[in-house]
Structures are given as structure tokens and as C-alpha cells.
Protein backbone atom coordinates (compact mmCIF):
# COMPACT_ATOMS: atom_id res chain seq x y z
CA MET A 1 11.03 8.00 9.55
CA VAL A 2 12.22 7.91 5.90
CA PHE A 3 9.89 5.93 4.27
CA LYS A 4 6.62 7.65 5.92
CA THR A 5 8.51 11.17 4.76
CA TRP A 6 8.34 9.18 1.56
CA LYS A 7 5.25 8.48 2.13
CA SER A 8 3.88 12.01 2.86
CA VAL A 9 5.45 14.38 0.84
CA LEU A 10 6.64 13.16 -2.56
CA GLU A 11 2.98 10.92 -2.12
CA ILE A 12 4.21 7.62 -3.88
CA ASP A 13 2.05 5.21 -2.60
CA SER A 14 -1.22 7.68 -4.22
CA VAL A 15 -1.14 6.91 -8.37
CA LYS A 16 -3.58 7.61 -10.57
CA PRO A 17 -4.89 5.18 -12.86
CA VAL A 18 -1.83 5.79 -15.46
CA GLY A 19 -0.04 3.56 -18.42
CA THR A 20 2.77 1.07 -17.31
CA PHE A 21 5.52 3.50 -19.51
CA ARG A 22 3.85 6.65 -17.65
CA PHE A 23 3.39 5.00 -14.11
CA GLU A 24 7.48 3.90 -14.22
CA CYS A 25 8.66 7.61 -15.51
CA MET A 26 6.43 8.85 -12.26
CA LEU A 27 7.90 6.30 -10.08
CA TYR A 28 11.90 7.17 -10.98
CA GLY A 29 11.51 10.68 -10.79
CA ARG A 30 10.16 9.73 -7.94
CA LEU A 31 13.00 7.67 -7.01
CA ILE A 32 15.98 10.11 -8.23
CA LEU A 33 14.20 13.11 -6.56
CA VAL A 34 14.95 10.50 -3.01
CA LEU A 35 18.47 10.74 -4.21
CA ILE A 36 19.32 13.48 -4.63
CA ASN A 37 17.86 14.30 -1.70
CA ASN A 38 20.32 12.05 0.08
CA MET A 39 22.85 13.01 -1.36
CA LEU A 40 22.34 16.89 -0.98
CA GLN A 41 21.19 16.14 3.30
CA SER A 42 24.92 14.02 3.43
CA GLU A 43 26.42 16.76 2.09
CA PHE A 44 24.60 19.56 4.61
CA LYS A 45 24.96 17.49 6.98
CA ALA A 46 29.25 16.68 6.16
CA PHE A 47 29.18 20.36 6.53
CA PRO A 48 30.25 22.14 9.35
CA VAL A 49 27.57 24.57 11.17
CA GLU A 50 28.93 26.68 14.27
CA GLN A 51 26.10 25.43 16.27
CA ASP A 52 26.15 23.03 16.86
CA ASP A 53 23.04 21.54 17.63
CA PHE A 54 21.70 22.99 14.07
CA GLU A 55 20.63 19.41 12.11
CA LEU A 56 18.32 19.48 8.92
CA SER A 57 15.43 18.09 9.15
CA GLU A 58 14.77 14.98 6.42
CA TYR A 59 11.02 15.50 6.29
CA LYS A 60 11.64 19.46 5.75
CA ALA A 61 14.67 19.06 3.31
CA VAL A 62 12.19 16.60 0.76
CA LYS A 63 9.58 19.23 0.99
CA MET A 64 11.52 22.47 0.75
CA LEU A 65 13.38 20.46 -2.45
CA LYS A 66 10.09 19.21 -3.69
CA LYS A 67 9.19 23.13 -3.32
CA SER A 68 11.86 24.34 -5.89
């Protein structure tokens, strides 16, 4: 599910023909976004919520982070 989210929302698999250095910068930027998202999501999961049935969706979290 995690890789599917990376592929569909972060578009890890789609790359335009660019130079090597630009490709590396884009890839590193997307991977940094993945790390930030995982850290934020782990913090939200550790935060006690009043509703026991609430769980943050990885897909929605990545989409919201990419949007902002």
C-alpha cells in the first residue's frame, strides 16, 4: 500500500527526460517528502485520539502534504 501511494500521489514512477543532476534532485526531494510524511504520520498515530476507531490514512496524509 505504501509503494502504491508513492507511485500514485507522489508520481515516483513518472519522470520527464531531464539531465542526471536534475533527476537526482527531483528524486531526493520526493524521498525527503516521503520521510517527512512517515515521521508526521507516526506522530499522529502516537497521539491519543478520543475516538478509538480513528486512523490516519497514508494515502490521505500524503495527498494533504503534497497539496500544501
